[in-house]
Amino acid sequence: MVPHPVRKGETKAMTTDTNTDIRHVRRQLRMTQEEFAHAIAVTASTVNRWENAHAVPSRLARRAIEELMSRRGLCPAEAAGAPTLAAY
């Protein structure tokens, strides 16, 4: 298996929790990967890599995710188990 390249601003996933939490947040927002990606200005393949433990969100992406959650009225504490993304 050939490892996926890590793009600028991304790092290898350290835990599965980060990726599970991204998926959980996206599902709580009732968004597809494409919709979620568009809303935070990344590609759908980037969201897919986050959710499948090939990469983790950059600080800028985490900030965009938290802003999206805030705009949609989803507080990290209310995301039914998804901890704040600032921990990553």
PDB file of N, CA and C in Angstrom:
ATOM      1  N   MET A   1       0.839  -1.175   0.000  1.00  0.00           N
ATOM      2  CA  MET A   1       0.000   0.000   0.000  1.00  0.00           C
ATOM      3  C   MET A   1       0.886   1.240   0.000  1.00  0.00           C
ATOM      4  N   VAL A   2       0.616   2.154  -0.913  1.00  0.00           N
ATOM      5  CA  VAL A   2       1.393   3.379  -1.025  1.00  0.00           C
ATOM      6  C   VAL A   2       0.774   4.438  -0.121  1.00  0.00           C
ATOM      7  N   PRO A   3       1.567   5.087   0.749  1.00  0.00           N
ATOM      8  CA  PRO A   3       1.005   6.115   1.625  1.00  0.00           C
ATOM      9  C   PRO A   3       0.558   7.326   0.822  1.00  0.00           C
ATOM     10  N   HIS A   4      -0.504   7.955   1.274  1.00  0.00           N
ATOM     11  CA  HIS A   4      -1.000   9.160   0.635  1.00  0.00           C
ATOM     12  C   HIS A   4      -0.106  10.324   1.004  1.00  0.00           C
ATOM     13  N   PRO A   5       0.162  11.215   0.050  1.00  0.00           N
ATOM     14  CA  PRO A   5       0.993  12.373   0.375  1.00  0.00           C
ATOM     15  C   PRO A   5       0.248  13.319   1.317  1.00  0.00           C
ATOM     16  N   VAL A   6       1.010  14.005   2.127  1.00  0.00           N
ATOM     17  CA  VAL A   6       0.433  14.989   3.042  1.00  0.00           C
ATOM     18  C   VAL A   6       0.662  16.350   2.414  1.00  0.00           C
ATOM     19  N   ARG A   7      -0.397  17.093   2.216  1.00  0.00           N
ATOM     20  CA  ARG A   7      -0.294  18.407   1.598  1.00  0.00           C
ATOM     21  C   ARG A   7       0.100  19.462   2.612  1.00  0.00           C
ATOM     22  N   LYS A   8       0.536  20.594   2.097  1.00  0.00           N
ATOM     23  CA  LYS A   8       0.913  21.719   2.951  1.00  0.00           C
ATOM     24  C   LYS A   8      -0.248  22.076   3.871  1.00  0.00           C
ATOM     25  N   GLY A   9       0.038  22.240   5.151  1.00  0.00           N
ATOM     26  CA  GLY A   9      -0.996  22.596   6.107  1.00  0.00           C
ATOM     27  C   GLY A   9      -1.694  21.394   6.721  1.00  0.00           C
ATOM     28  N   GLU A  10      -1.353  20.208   6.253  1.00  0.00           N
ATOM     29  CA  GLU A  10      -1.952  18.998   6.800  1.00  0.00           C
ATOM     30  C   GLU A  10      -0.854  18.142   7.413  1.00  0.00           C
ATOM     31  N   THR A  11      -1.220  17.334   8.365  1.00  0.00           N
ATOM     32  CA  THR A  11      -0.261  16.405   8.956  1.00  0.00           C
ATOM     33  C   THR A  11      -0.885  15.036   9.012  1.00  0.00           C
ATOM     34  N   LYS A  12      -0.073  14.040   9.192  1.00  0.00           N
ATOM     35  CA  LYS A  12      -0.598  12.680   9.330  1.00  0.00           C
ATOM     36  C   LYS A  12      -1.499  12.600  10.546  1.00  0.00           C
ATOM     37  N   ALA A  13      -2.530  11.815  10.445  1.00  0.00           N
ATOM     38  CA  ALA A  13      -3.449  11.639  11.571  1.00  0.00           C
ATOM     39  C   ALA A  13      -2.741  10.934  12.715  1.00  0.00           C
ATOM     40  N   MET A  14      -2.934  11.450  13.925  1.00  0.00           N
ATOM     41  CA  MET A  14      -2.322  10.827  15.087  1.00  0.00           C
ATOM     42  C   MET A  14      -3.293   9.876  15.766  1.00  0.00           C
ATOM     43  N   THR A  15      -4.584  10.177  15.696  1.00  0.00           N
ATOM     44  CA  THR A  15      -5.572   9.302  16.300  1.00  0.00           C
ATOM     45  C   THR A  15      -6.773   9.184  15.391  1.00  0.00           C
ATOM     46  N   THR A  16      -7.523   8.134  15.569  1.00  0.00           N
ATOM     47  CA  THR A  16      -8.754   7.951  14.820  1.00  0.00           C
ATOM     48  C   THR A  16      -9.832   8.901  15.319  1.00  0.00           C
ATOM     49  N   ASP A  17      -9.734   9.330  16.577  1.00  0.00           N
ATOM     50  CA  ASP A  17     -10.749  10.201  17.158  1.00  0.00           C
ATOM     51  C   ASP A  17     -10.961  11.471  16.351  1.00  0.00           C
ATOM     52  N   THR A  18      -9.900  12.092  15.889  1.00  0.00           N
ATOM     53  CA  THR A  18     -10.011  13.318  15.101  1.00  0.00           C
ATOM     54  C   THR A  18     -10.899  13.075  13.899  1.00  0.00           C
ATOM     55  N   ASN A  19     -10.648  11.985  13.187  1.00  0.00           N
ATOM     56  CA  ASN A  19     -11.367  11.693  11.957  1.00  0.00           C
ATOM     57  C   ASN A  19     -12.810  11.317  12.230  1.00  0.00           C
ATOM     58  N   THR A  20     -13.025  10.557  13.282  1.00  0.00           N
ATOM     59  CA  THR A  20     -14.381  10.195  13.675  1.00  0.00           C
ATOM     60  C   THR A  20     -15.158  11.449  14.048  1.00  0.00           C
ATOM     61  N   ASP A  21     -14.497  12.368  14.752  1.00  0.00           N
ATOM     62  CA  ASP A  21     -15.165  13.590  15.175  1.00  0.00           C
ATOM     63  C   ASP A  21     -15.540  14.475  13.995  1.00  0.00           C
ATOM     64  N   ILE A  22     -14.683  14.557  12.982  1.00  0.00           N
ATOM     65  CA  ILE A  22     -15.008  15.335  11.787  1.00  0.00           C
ATOM     66  C   ILE A  22     -16.252  14.749  11.132  1.00  0.00           C
ATOM     67  N   ARG A  23     -16.271  13.445  10.977  1.00  0.00           N
ATOM     68  CA  ARG A  23     -17.437  12.780  10.379  1.00  0.00           C
ATOM     69  C   ARG A  23     -18.690  13.032  11.229  1.00  0.00           C
ATOM     70  N   HIS A  24     -18.524  12.929  12.548  1.00  0.00           N
ATOM     71  CA  HIS A  24     -19.658  13.123  13.456  1.00  0.00           C
ATOM     72  C   HIS A  24     -20.203  14.554  13.350  1.00  0.00           C
ATOM     73  N   VAL A  25     -19.322  15.515  13.356  1.00  0.00           N
ATOM     74  CA  VAL A  25     -19.746  16.916  13.234  1.00  0.00           C
ATOM     75  C   VAL A  25     -20.464  17.126  11.912  1.00  0.00           C
ATOM     76  N   ARG A  26     -19.896  16.612  10.827  1.00  0.00           N
ATOM     77  CA  ARG A  26     -20.512  16.778   9.509  1.00  0.00           C
ATOM     78  C   ARG A  26     -21.905  16.162   9.475  1.00  0.00           C
ATOM     79  N   ARG A  27     -22.029  14.991  10.066  1.00  0.00           N
ATOM     80  CA  ARG A  27     -23.344  14.342  10.095  1.00  0.00           C
ATOM     81  C   ARG A  27     -24.326  15.097  10.979  1.00  0.00           C
ATOM     82  N   GLN A  28     -23.843  15.640  12.098  1.00  0.00           N
ATOM     83  CA  GLN A  28     -24.713  16.445  12.961  1.00  0.00           C
ATOM     84  C   GLN A  28     -25.219  17.674  12.214  1.00  0.00           C
ATOM     85  N   LEU A  29     -24.398  18.199  11.313  1.00  0.00           N
ATOM     86  CA  LEU A  29     -24.797  19.348  10.503  1.00  0.00           C
ATOM     87  C   LEU A  29     -25.671  18.930   9.321  1.00  0.00           C
ATOM     88  N   ARG A  30     -25.833  17.612   9.158  1.00  0.00           N
ATOM     89  CA  ARG A  30     -26.641  17.043   8.061  1.00  0.00           C
ATOM     90  C   ARG A  30     -26.151  17.527   6.699  1.00  0.00           C
ATOM     91  N   MET A  31     -24.840  17.353   6.510  1.00  0.00           N
ATOM     92  CA  MET A  31     -24.211  17.792   5.268  1.00  0.00           C
ATOM     93  C   MET A  31     -23.468  16.622   4.630  1.00  0.00           C
ATOM     94  N   THR A  32     -23.429  16.624   3.309  1.00  0.00           N
ATOM     95  CA  THR A  32     -22.603  15.663   2.593  1.00  0.00           C
ATOM     96  C   THR A  32     -21.152  16.125   2.695  1.00  0.00           C
ATOM     97  N   GLN A  33     -20.226  15.263   2.320  1.00  0.00           N
ATOM     98  CA  GLN A  33     -18.822  15.672   2.308  1.00  0.00           C
ATOM     99  C   GLN A  33     -18.622  16.857   1.372  1.00  0.00           C
ATOM    100  N   GLU A  34     -19.306  16.853   0.252  1.00  0.00           N
ATOM    101  CA  GLU A  34     -19.185  17.941  -0.716  1.00  0.00           C
ATOM    102  C   GLU A  34     -19.715  19.253  -0.146  1.00  0.00           C
ATOM    103  N   GLU A  35     -20.875  19.215   0.496  1.00  0.00           N
ATOM    104  CA  GLU A  35     -21.454  20.421   1.091  1.00  0.00           C
ATOM    105  C   GLU A  35     -20.571  20.959   2.212  1.00  0.00           C
ATOM    106  N   PHE A  36     -20.089  20.053   3.054  1.00  0.00           N
ATOM    107  CA  PHE A  36     -19.225  20.427   4.164  1.00  0.00           C
ATOM    108  C   PHE A  36     -17.942  21.059   3.632  1.00  0.00           C
ATOM    109  N   ALA A  37     -17.346  20.424   2.637  1.00  0.00           N
ATOM    110  CA  ALA A  37     -16.114  20.935   2.034  1.00  0.00           C
ATOM    111  C   ALA A  37     -16.324  22.337   1.469  1.00  0.00           C
ATOM    112  N   HIS A  38     -17.395  22.532   0.732  1.00  0.00           N
ATOM    113  CA  HIS A  38     -17.685  23.837   0.139  1.00  0.00           C
ATOM    114  C   HIS A  38     -17.848  24.896   1.229  1.00  0.00           C
ATOM    115  N   ALA A  39     -18.532  24.540   2.306  1.00  0.00           N
ATOM    116  CA  ALA A  39     -18.807  25.495   3.387  1.00  0.00           C
ATOM    117  C   ALA A  39     -17.542  25.942   4.113  1.00  0.00           C
ATOM    118  N   ILE A  40     -16.499  25.095   4.123  1.00  0.00           N
ATOM    119  CA  ILE A  40     -15.263  25.462   4.830  1.00  0.00           C
ATOM    120  C   ILE A  40     -14.103  25.696   3.866  1.00  0.00           C
ATOM    121  N   ALA A  41     -14.397  25.779   2.573  1.00  0.00           N
ATOM    122  CA  ALA A  41     -13.424  26.132   1.533  1.00  0.00           C
ATOM    123  C   ALA A  41     -12.266  25.135   1.400  1.00  0.00           C
ATOM    124  N   VAL A  42     -12.609  23.856   1.400  1.00  0.00           N
ATOM    125  CA  VAL A  42     -11.635  22.807   1.085  1.00  0.00           C
ATOM    126  C   VAL A  42     -12.279  21.899   0.047  1.00  0.00           C
ATOM    127  N   THR A  43     -11.538  20.928  -0.436  1.00  0.00           N
ATOM    128  CA  THR A  43     -12.112  19.999  -1.405  1.00  0.00           C
ATOM    129  C   THR A  43     -12.792  18.836  -0.684  1.00  0.00           C
ATOM    130  N   ALA A  44     -13.696  18.201  -1.391  1.00  0.00           N
ATOM    131  CA  ALA A  44     -14.373  17.019  -0.832  1.00  0.00           C
ATOM    132  C   ALA A  44     -13.358  15.915  -0.550  1.00  0.00           C
ATOM    133  N   SER A  45     -12.326  15.807  -1.383  1.00  0.00           N
ATOM    134  CA  SER A  45     -11.316  14.777  -1.137  1.00  0.00           C
ATOM    135  C   SER A  45     -10.538  15.055   0.150  1.00  0.00           C
ATOM    136  N   THR A  46     -10.377  16.332   0.511  1.00  0.00           N
ATOM    137  CA  THR A  46      -9.717  16.670   1.772  1.00  0.00           C
ATOM    138  C   THR A  46     -10.572  16.199   2.946  1.00  0.00           C
ATOM    139  N   VAL A  47     -11.871  16.456   2.896  1.00  0.00           N
ATOM    140  CA  VAL A  47     -12.772  16.000   3.954  1.00  0.00           C
ATOM    141  C   VAL A  47     -12.718  14.478   4.033  1.00  0.00           C
ATOM    142  N   ASN A  48     -12.711  13.822   2.895  1.00  0.00           N
ATOM    143  CA  ASN A  48     -12.635  12.365   2.869  1.00  0.00           C
ATOM    144  C   ASN A  48     -11.348  11.879   3.517  1.00  0.00           C
ATOM    145  N   ARG A  49     -10.231  12.533   3.233  1.00  0.00           N
ATOM    146  CA  ARG A  49      -8.952  12.141   3.854  1.00  0.00           C
ATOM    147  C   ARG A  49      -8.997  12.333   5.363  1.00  0.00           C
ATOM    148  N   TRP A  50      -9.616  13.409   5.837  1.00  0.00           N
ATOM    149  CA  TRP A  50      -9.746  13.624   7.284  1.00  0.00           C
ATOM    150  C   TRP A  50     -10.550  12.492   7.909  1.00  0.00           C
ATOM    151  N   GLU A  51     -11.664  12.164   7.284  1.00  0.00           N
ATOM    152  CA  GLU A  51     -12.565  11.158   7.845  1.00  0.00           C
ATOM    153  C   GLU A  51     -12.001   9.742   7.770  1.00  0.00           C
ATOM    154  N   ASN A  52     -11.056   9.516   6.879  1.00  0.00           N
ATOM    155  CA  ASN A  52     -10.486   8.178   6.718  1.00  0.00           C
ATOM    156  C   ASN A  52      -9.060   8.078   7.251  1.00  0.00           C
ATOM    157  N   ALA A  53      -8.697   8.994   8.135  1.00  0.00           N
ATOM    158  CA  ALA A  53      -7.418   8.960   8.862  1.00  0.00           C
ATOM    159  C   ALA A  53      -6.176   9.082   7.988  1.00  0.00           C
ATOM    160  N   HIS A  54      -6.295   9.760   6.839  1.00  0.00           N
ATOM    161  CA  HIS A  54      -5.129   9.985   5.994  1.00  0.00           C
ATOM    162  C   HIS A  54      -4.506  11.355   6.251  1.00  0.00           C
ATOM    163  N   ALA A  55      -5.244  12.240   6.911  1.00  0.00           N
ATOM    164  CA  ALA A  55      -4.766  13.587   7.216  1.00  0.00           C
ATOM    165  C   ALA A  55      -5.618  14.154   8.338  1.00  0.00           C
ATOM    166  N   VAL A  56      -5.171  15.257   8.907  1.00  0.00           N
ATOM    167  CA  VAL A  56      -5.955  15.964   9.926  1.00  0.00           C
ATOM    168  C   VAL A  56      -6.116  17.409   9.476  1.00  0.00           C
ATOM    169  N   PRO A  57      -7.172  18.083   9.923  1.00  0.00           N
ATOM    170  CA  PRO A  57      -7.391  19.474   9.521  1.00  0.00           C
ATOM    171  C   PRO A  57      -6.295  20.399  10.048  1.00  0.00           C
ATOM    172  N   SER A  58      -5.942  21.373   9.233  1.00  0.00           N
ATOM    173  CA  SER A  58      -5.006  22.412   9.660  1.00  0.00           C
ATOM    174  C   SER A  58      -5.703  23.321  10.672  1.00  0.00           C
ATOM    175  N   ARG A  59      -4.945  24.203  11.280  1.00  0.00           N
ATOM    176  CA  ARG A  59      -5.556  25.159  12.224  1.00  0.00           C
ATOM    177  C   ARG A  59      -6.607  26.018  11.520  1.00  0.00           C
ATOM    178  N   LEU A  60      -6.290  26.457  10.305  1.00  0.00           N
ATOM    179  CA  LEU A  60      -7.235  27.274   9.543  1.00  0.00           C
ATOM    180  C   LEU A  60      -8.520  26.497   9.261  1.00  0.00           C
ATOM    181  N   ALA A  61      -8.386  25.235   8.899  1.00  0.00           N
ATOM    182  CA  ALA A  61      -9.565  24.402   8.630  1.00  0.00           C
ATOM    183  C   ALA A  61     -10.364  24.169   9.908  1.00  0.00           C
ATOM    184  N   ARG A  62      -9.681  23.909  11.018  1.00  0.00           N
ATOM    185  CA  ARG A  62     -10.388  23.718  12.297  1.00  0.00           C
ATOM    186  C   ARG A  62     -11.174  24.963  12.660  1.00  0.00           C
ATOM    187  N   ARG A  63     -10.565  26.128  12.442  1.00  0.00           N
ATOM    188  CA  ARG A  63     -11.258  27.388  12.723  1.00  0.00           C
ATOM    189  C   ARG A  63     -12.497  27.521  11.831  1.00  0.00           C
ATOM    190  N   ALA A  64     -12.359  27.177  10.552  1.00  0.00           N
ATOM    191  CA  ALA A  64     -13.499  27.249   9.628  1.00  0.00           C
ATOM    192  C   ALA A  64     -14.604  26.287  10.045  1.00  0.00           C
ATOM    193  N   ILE A  65     -14.233  25.101  10.516  1.00  0.00           N
ATOM    194  CA  ILE A  65     -15.227  24.119  10.975  1.00  0.00           C
ATOM    195  C   ILE A  65     -15.959  24.656  12.197  1.00  0.00           C
ATOM    196  N   GLU A  66     -15.209  25.229  13.141  1.00  0.00           N
ATOM    197  CA  GLU A  66     -15.847  25.768  14.344  1.00  0.00           C
ATOM    198  C   GLU A  66     -16.758  26.948  14.008  1.00  0.00           C
ATOM    199  N   GLU A  67     -16.356  27.788  13.049  1.00  0.00           N
ATOM    200  CA  GLU A  67     -17.212  28.901  12.618  1.00  0.00           C
ATOM    201  C   GLU A  67     -18.482  28.377  11.953  1.00  0.00           C
ATOM    202  N   LEU A  68     -18.344  27.333  11.146  1.00  0.00           N
ATOM    203  CA  LEU A  68     -19.512  26.728  10.506  1.00  0.00           C
ATOM    204  C   LEU A  68     -20.460  26.166  11.559  1.00  0.00           C
ATOM    205  N   MET A  69     -19.902  25.479  12.548  1.00  0.00           N
ATOM    206  CA  MET A  69     -20.734  24.932  13.622  1.00  0.00           C
ATOM    207  C   MET A  69     -21.475  26.050  14.341  1.00  0.00           C
ATOM    208  N   SER A  70     -20.781  27.142  14.602  1.00  0.00           N
ATOM    209  CA  SER A  70     -21.391  28.278  15.289  1.00  0.00           C
ATOM    210  C   SER A  70     -22.516  28.884  14.444  1.00  0.00           C
ATOM    211  N   ARG A  71     -22.250  29.074  13.148  1.00  0.00           N
ATOM    212  CA  ARG A  71     -23.274  29.645  12.250  1.00  0.00           C
ATOM    213  C   ARG A  71     -24.500  28.748  12.175  1.00  0.00           C
ATOM    214  N   ARG A  72     -24.287  27.437  12.245  1.00  0.00           N
ATOM    215  CA  ARG A  72     -25.387  26.474  12.149  1.00  0.00           C
ATOM    216  C   ARG A  72     -26.014  26.170  13.502  1.00  0.00           C
ATOM    217  N   GLY A  73     -25.503  26.819  14.570  1.00  0.00           N
ATOM    218  CA  GLY A  73     -26.073  26.623  15.894  1.00  0.00           C
ATOM    219  C   GLY A  73     -25.669  25.326  16.559  1.00  0.00           C
ATOM    220  N   LEU A  74     -24.554  24.747  16.150  1.00  0.00           N
ATOM    221  CA  LEU A  74     -24.080  23.504  16.739  1.00  0.00           C
ATOM    222  C   LEU A  74     -22.842  23.798  17.574  1.00  0.00           C
ATOM    223  N   CYS A  75     -23.028  23.810  18.875  1.00  0.00           N
ATOM    224  CA  CYS A  75     -21.936  24.037  19.816  1.00  0.00           C
ATOM    225  C   CYS A  75     -21.172  22.730  19.967  1.00  0.00           C
ATOM    226  N   PRO A  76     -19.823  22.769  20.059  1.00  0.00           N
ATOM    227  CA  PRO A  76     -19.073  21.520  20.209  1.00  0.00           C
ATOM    228  C   PRO A  76     -19.566  20.654  21.367  1.00  0.00           C
ATOM    229  N   ALA A  77     -19.929  21.267  22.481  1.00  0.00           N
ATOM    230  CA  ALA A  77     -20.414  20.500  23.628  1.00  0.00           C
ATOM    231  C   ALA A  77     -21.752  19.830  23.332  1.00  0.00           C
ATOM    232  N   GLU A  78     -22.511  20.415  22.416  1.00  0.00           N
ATOM    233  CA  GLU A  78     -23.822  19.879  22.057  1.00  0.00           C
ATOM    234  C   GLU A  78     -23.755  18.896  20.890  1.00  0.00           C
ATOM    235  N   ALA A  79     -22.582  18.664  20.368  1.00  0.00           N
ATOM    236  CA  ALA A  79     -22.444  17.813  19.189  1.00  0.00           C
ATOM    237  C   ALA A  79     -22.478  16.327  19.544  1.00  0.00           C
ATOM    238  N   ALA A  80     -23.123  16.012  20.648  1.00  0.00           N
ATOM    239  CA  ALA A  80     -23.331  14.615  21.074  1.00  0.00           C
ATOM    240  C   ALA A  80     -22.055  13.782  21.062  1.00  0.00           C
ATOM    241  N   GLY A  81     -21.074  14.279  21.792  1.00  0.00           N
ATOM    242  CA  GLY A  81     -19.851  13.498  21.926  1.00  0.00           C
ATOM    243  C   GLY A  81     -18.685  13.983  21.113  1.00  0.00           C
ATOM    244  N   ALA A  82     -18.888  14.909  20.213  1.00  0.00           N
ATOM    245  CA  ALA A  82     -17.770  15.420  19.433  1.00  0.00           C
ATOM    246  C   ALA A  82     -17.094  16.533  20.229  1.00  0.00           C
ATOM    247  N   PRO A  83     -15.873  16.303  20.717  1.00  0.00           N
ATOM    248  CA  PRO A  83     -15.179  17.324  21.498  1.00  0.00           C
ATOM    249  C   PRO A  83     -14.770  18.513  20.643  1.00  0.00           C
ATOM    250  N   THR A  84     -14.419  19.590  21.271  1.00  0.00           N
ATOM    251  CA  THR A  84     -13.993  20.780  20.548  1.00  0.00           C
ATOM    252  C   THR A  84     -12.801  20.451  19.665  1.00  0.00           C
ATOM    253  N   LEU A  85     -12.782  20.992  18.472  1.00  0.00           N
ATOM    254  CA  LEU A  85     -11.709  20.714  17.530  1.00  0.00           C
ATOM    255  C   LEU A  85     -10.412  21.394  17.926  1.00  0.00           C
ATOM    256  N   ALA A  86     -10.453  22.332  18.860  1.00  0.00           N
ATOM    257  CA  ALA A  86      -9.247  23.021  19.298  1.00  0.00           C
ATOM    258  C   ALA A  86      -8.274  22.056  19.971  1.00  0.00           C
ATOM    259  N   ALA A  87      -8.770  20.913  20.429  1.00  0.00           N
ATOM    260  CA  ALA A  87      -7.924  19.931  21.087  1.00  0.00           C
ATOM    261  C   ALA A  87      -6.966  19.260  20.132  1.00  0.00           C
ATOM    262  N   TYR A  88      -7.167  19.433  18.858  1.00  0.00           N
ATOM    263  CA  TYR A  88      -6.329  18.760  17.858  1.00  0.00           C
ATOM    264  C   TYR A  88      -5.318  19.721  17.369  1.00  0.00           C
TER     265      TYR A  88
END
